[in-house]
Protein backbone atom coordinates (compact mmCIF):
# COMPACT_ATOMS: atom_id res chain seq x y z
CA UNK A 1 -0.34 0.03 -0.27
CA UNK A 2 3.21 2.11 0.02
CA UNK A 3 2.71 3.56 -3.42
CA UNK A 4 -0.86 4.25 -2.75
CA UNK A 5 -0.57 5.95 0.78
CA UNK A 6 1.80 8.33 -0.68
CA UNK A 7 -0.86 9.43 -3.52
CA UNK A 8 -3.43 10.04 -0.91
CA UNK A 9 -1.27 12.42 1.21
CA UNK A 10 -0.16 14.24 -2.23
CA UNK A 11 -3.67 14.44 -2.87
CA UNK A 12 -4.77 15.28 0.55
CA UNK A 13 -8.26 16.46 -0.85
CA UNK A 14 -10.55 14.11 -1.98
CA UNK A 15 -9.44 10.38 -2.57
CA UNK A 16 -11.77 7.34 -3.27
CA UNK A 17 -10.02 3.71 -2.81
CA UNK A 18 -11.67 0.24 -3.40
CA UNK A 19 -10.92 -2.86 -2.45
CA UNK A 20 -11.74 -6.29 -3.45
CA UNK A 21 -11.81 -7.24 0.05
CA UNK A 22 -12.86 -6.17 3.49
CA UNK A 23 -9.66 -6.64 5.41
CA UNK A 24 -6.97 -4.75 2.66
CA UNK A 25 -9.49 -1.95 3.09
CA UNK A 26 -9.69 -1.87 6.73
CA UNK A 27 -5.28 -2.38 6.51
CA UNK A 28 -5.32 0.61 4.02
CA UNK A 29 -7.27 2.08 6.73
CA UNK A 30 -5.33 1.83 9.23
CA UNK A 31 -1.87 2.31 7.81
CA UNK A 32 -3.79 5.93 6.40
CA UNK A 33 -4.13 7.25 9.63
CA UNK A 34 -1.08 5.64 11.35
CA UNK A 35 0.65 7.84 8.09
CA UNK A 36 -1.49 11.17 8.67
CA UNK A 37 -0.69 11.12 12.42
CA UNK A 38 2.69 11.49 12.12
CA UNK A 39 2.45 14.95 10.47
CA UNK A 40 -0.07 15.47 13.19
CA UNK A 41 -3.21 15.59 10.85
CA UNK A 42 -6.41 13.86 11.09
CA UNK A 43 -8.91 11.63 8.59
CA UNK A 44 -12.45 13.92 9.12
CA UNK A 45 -14.92 11.71 10.65
CA UNK A 46 -17.57 12.98 8.54
CA UNK A 47 -16.25 12.60 5.12
CA UNK A 48 -14.15 9.26 5.77
CA UNK A 49 -15.79 6.08 6.06
CA UNK A 50 -15.55 2.60 4.90
CA UNK A 51 -18.56 0.77 2.96
CA UNK A 52 -19.49 -2.20 0.81
CA UNK A 53 -20.24 -1.33 -2.65
CA UNK A 54 -20.27 -3.31 -5.86
CA UNK A 55 -21.02 -5.81 -8.00
CA UNK A 56 -21.81 -8.08 -4.87
CA UNK A 57 -22.41 -5.92 -2.19
CA UNK A 58 -26.36 -6.03 -2.97
CA UNK A 59 -26.43 -10.00 -2.37
CA UNK A 60 -24.15 -10.06 0.14
CA UNK A 61 -25.94 -7.54 2.42
CA UNK A 62 -29.02 -9.12 1.67
CA UNK A 63 -27.94 -12.68 3.30
CA UNK A 64 -26.99 -10.45 6.22
CA UNK A 65 -29.99 -8.70 6.50
CA UNK A 66 -28.29 -5.15 5.82
CA UNK A 67 -30.62 -4.09 3.08
CA UNK A 68 -29.25 -2.10 0.04
CA UNK A 69 -26.00 -0.85 -0.24
CA UNK A 70 -24.98 2.75 1.18
CA UNK A 71 -24.25 5.53 -1.59
CA UNK A 72 -21.70 7.88 -1.16
CA UNK A 73 -21.06 11.38 -2.75
CA UNK A 74 -17.73 12.26 -4.62
CA UNK A 75 -16.80 14.76 -6.87
CA UNK A 76 -20.45 16.15 -7.58
CA UNK A 77 -21.92 12.73 -7.80
CA UNK A 78 -24.00 10.43 -5.70
CA UNK A 79 -22.70 6.77 -6.58
CA UNK A 80 -25.55 4.15 -6.08
CA UNK A 81 -25.48 0.57 -7.06
CA UNK A 82 -27.74 0.07 -9.24
CA UNK A 83 -29.93 -2.38 -11.61
CA UNK A 84 -29.71 -1.91 -15.38
CA UNK A 85 -33.11 -2.85 -17.50
CA UNK A 86 -31.89 -6.36 -17.98
CA UNK A 87 -31.21 -6.56 -14.10
CA UNK A 88 -27.54 -6.61 -14.63
CA UNK A 89 -25.46 -4.73 -11.90
CA UNK A 90 -24.53 -1.07 -13.09
CA UNK A 91 -22.63 1.65 -11.46
CA UNK A 92 -25.21 4.85 -11.37
CA UNK A 93 -24.47 8.48 -11.00
CA UNK A 94 -26.48 11.04 -10.42
CA UNK A 95 -26.10 14.93 -9.94
CA UNK A 96 -25.65 15.81 -6.14
CA UNK A 97 -29.07 17.71 -5.77
CA UNK A 98 -27.51 20.48 -3.13
CA UNK A 99 -24.89 21.07 -5.57
CA UNK A 100 -27.60 21.51 -8.49
CA UNK A 101 -29.69 24.18 -6.14
CA UNK A 102 -26.56 26.49 -5.25
CA UNK A 103 -25.73 26.40 -8.94
CA UNK A 104 -29.76 27.24 -9.79
CA UNK A 105 -29.70 30.46 -7.31
CA UNK A 106 -26.14 31.30 -8.73
CA UNK A 107 -27.67 31.64 -12.08
CA UNK A 108 -30.62 33.32 -11.00
CA UNK A 109 -28.58 36.12 -8.94
CA UNK A 110 -26.69 36.54 -12.27
CA UNK A 111 -29.99 37.09 -14.49
CA UNK A 112 -30.87 39.95 -11.73
CA UNK A 113 -27.45 41.45 -12.79
CA UNK A 114 -27.82 40.90 -16.43
CA UNK A 115 -31.63 42.52 -16.38
CA UNK A 116 -30.92 45.00 -18.66
CA UNK A 117 -28.79 43.26 -21.28
CA UNK A 118 -30.49 42.19 -24.80
CA UNK A 119 -32.60 39.31 -24.77
CA UNK A 120 -29.89 37.42 -27.78
CA UNK A 121 -27.83 37.96 -25.17
CA UNK A 122 -28.73 36.38 -22.31
CA UNK A 123 -29.78 33.58 -24.05
CA UNK A 124 -26.01 33.49 -25.79
CA UNK A 125 -24.89 33.40 -21.96
CA UNK A 126 -27.22 30.86 -20.91
CA UNK A 127 -26.84 28.90 -23.44
CA UNK A 128 -22.92 28.62 -22.52
CA UNK A 129 -23.86 28.03 -18.50
CA UNK A 130 -25.87 24.88 -19.69
CA UNK A 131 -22.82 23.87 -21.96
CA UNK A 132 -20.56 24.26 -18.78
CA UNK A 133 -22.94 22.15 -16.78
CA UNK A 134 -23.40 19.57 -19.03
CA UNK A 135 -20.16 19.11 -19.96
CA UNK A 136 -19.20 17.74 -16.62
CA UNK A 137 -22.42 16.30 -15.66
CA UNK A 138 -23.18 14.40 -19.27
CA UNK A 139 -22.60 10.99 -18.14
CA UNK A 140 -24.79 7.67 -18.09
CA UNK A 141 -27.93 7.16 -16.00
CA UNK A 142 -27.80 10.66 -15.23
CA UNK A 143 -30.36 12.20 -18.15
CA UNK A 144 -33.15 13.16 -15.43
CA UNK A 145 -30.91 15.53 -13.59
CA UNK A 146 -29.96 17.24 -16.73
CA UNK A 147 -33.39 17.64 -18.25
CA UNK A 148 -34.07 18.98 -14.58
CA UNK A 149 -31.57 21.53 -14.53
CA UNK A 150 -32.16 22.65 -18.26
CA UNK A 151 -35.75 23.03 -17.27
CA UNK A 152 -34.97 25.00 -14.05
CA UNK A 153 -32.64 27.13 -16.01
CA UNK A 154 -35.48 28.27 -18.80
CA UNK A 155 -38.12 28.91 -15.46
CA UNK A 156 -35.88 31.25 -13.90
CA UNK A 157 -35.10 32.98 -17.65
CA UNK A 158 -38.70 33.26 -18.12
CA UNK A 159 -39.63 34.87 -14.63
CA UNK A 160 -36.62 37.36 -15.32
CA UNK A 161 -37.98 38.31 -18.68
CA UNK A 162 -41.53 38.81 -17.41
CA UNK A 163 -40.33 40.92 -14.58
CA UNK A 164 -38.05 43.11 -16.26
CA UNK A 165 -41.49 44.14 -17.98
CA UNK A 166 -45.03 43.91 -17.04
CA UNK A 167 -46.37 44.01 -20.77
CA UNK A 168 -43.72 41.15 -21.77
CA UNK A 169 -45.53 38.66 -23.94
CA UNK A 170 -42.92 36.06 -23.89
CA UNK A 171 -44.59 32.18 -23.70
CA UNK A 172 -43.74 28.90 -23.05
CA UNK A 173 -44.24 28.44 -26.88
CA UNK A 174 -41.59 30.35 -27.92
CA UNK A 175 -39.19 29.36 -24.73
CA UNK A 176 -39.59 25.72 -25.41
CA UNK A 177 -37.98 23.52 -27.94
CA UNK A 178 -41.41 22.54 -30.20
CA UNK A 179 -39.51 19.03 -30.81
CA UNK A 180 -39.00 18.45 -27.52
CA UNK A 181 -40.65 15.18 -28.20
CA UNK A 182 -37.73 14.12 -29.86
CA UNK A 183 -34.90 15.36 -27.77
CA UNK A 184 -32.60 12.81 -29.13
CA UNK A 185 -32.40 14.56 -32.65
CA UNK A 186 -32.78 18.35 -31.11
CA UNK A 187 -30.20 20.62 -31.31
CA UNK A 188 -31.51 22.77 -28.83
CA UNK A 189 -34.22 25.56 -28.31
CA UNK A 190 -34.72 27.88 -31.18
CA UNK A 191 -34.66 31.37 -29.14
CA UNK A 192 -32.27 31.04 -25.99
CA UNK A 193 -29.90 28.10 -27.73
CA UNK A 194 -29.73 26.15 -24.52
CA UNK A 195 -28.91 22.35 -25.77
CA UNK A 196 -30.30 19.12 -25.26
CA UNK A 197 -28.34 16.17 -24.87
CA UNK A 198 -28.16 13.41 -27.33
CA UNK A 199 -28.19 10.17 -24.94
CA UNK A 200 -26.90 6.72 -26.65
CA UNK A 201 -27.30 4.18 -23.91
CA UNK A 202 -25.08 2.61 -22.87
CA UNK A 203 -22.49 5.33 -23.67
CA UNK A 204 -22.15 8.83 -22.90
CA UNK A 205 -24.10 11.94 -23.33
CA UNK A 206 -23.36 13.36 -26.50
CA UNK A 207 -23.67 17.55 -26.64
CA UNK A 208 -25.23 18.26 -30.09
CA UNK A 209 -22.28 20.26 -32.58
C-alpha cells in the first residue's frame, strides 16, 4: 500500500480507494490514519467512511439482512449500486441535488445582474452556462438530472424576462423547443440556444454540434 499511501498524502483533498476484500480496505484505513498521525493530521470523521459497494454488495448485504448498499458522494455525484433494465449490476451516478440547487441560485442572481442586457445576449450566456454544466455532468444514468437542470434554467429566465416588463408576452411556446418530444434529435431551444443532450445508452451523453 506504500504507493497508494504516498498518492493519498499528495492529494490530501479528496480520494476514493476501492478494494476487493474488506480486510485489505481496513488495513489501508489503519495505515492511512497512522501515516497522517506522524504529521499531526487526521482523517475527517464526517467525510471518511468504509462501506460495502460494488457488483456483489447487494447480494452479500441481503444475506446478512443489511438492506441495500449504501451510497456515497464524490466530486459532485452520488454513486449508487443499481440495476440495468436487464437486471445486471450498474454503477449509477446522479448529480448532487444540493450542488444543482446552489448552481441554480447562482444563475438566478446572475440573471438579476444581467437584467438590462439584450435578450439574445442573455440567451448566449445561458447557453454557455448550460453547456458547461452538461460537459461535466453528462454521464450515463444522469439524464433526468440534466433535463431538470435545463428546465429550471428556462423557468428562471422566463421569470426574469416577465419581471423586466409587465407587458412582456413571452410564452412557453417560444421558450421551449417545439421538438421537445424528439429530444434525441434536437439541437436546442430555437430561442435560447440552450442545448439538449443526446443520450446513446449505454454510452455517454453527447452534446449537439
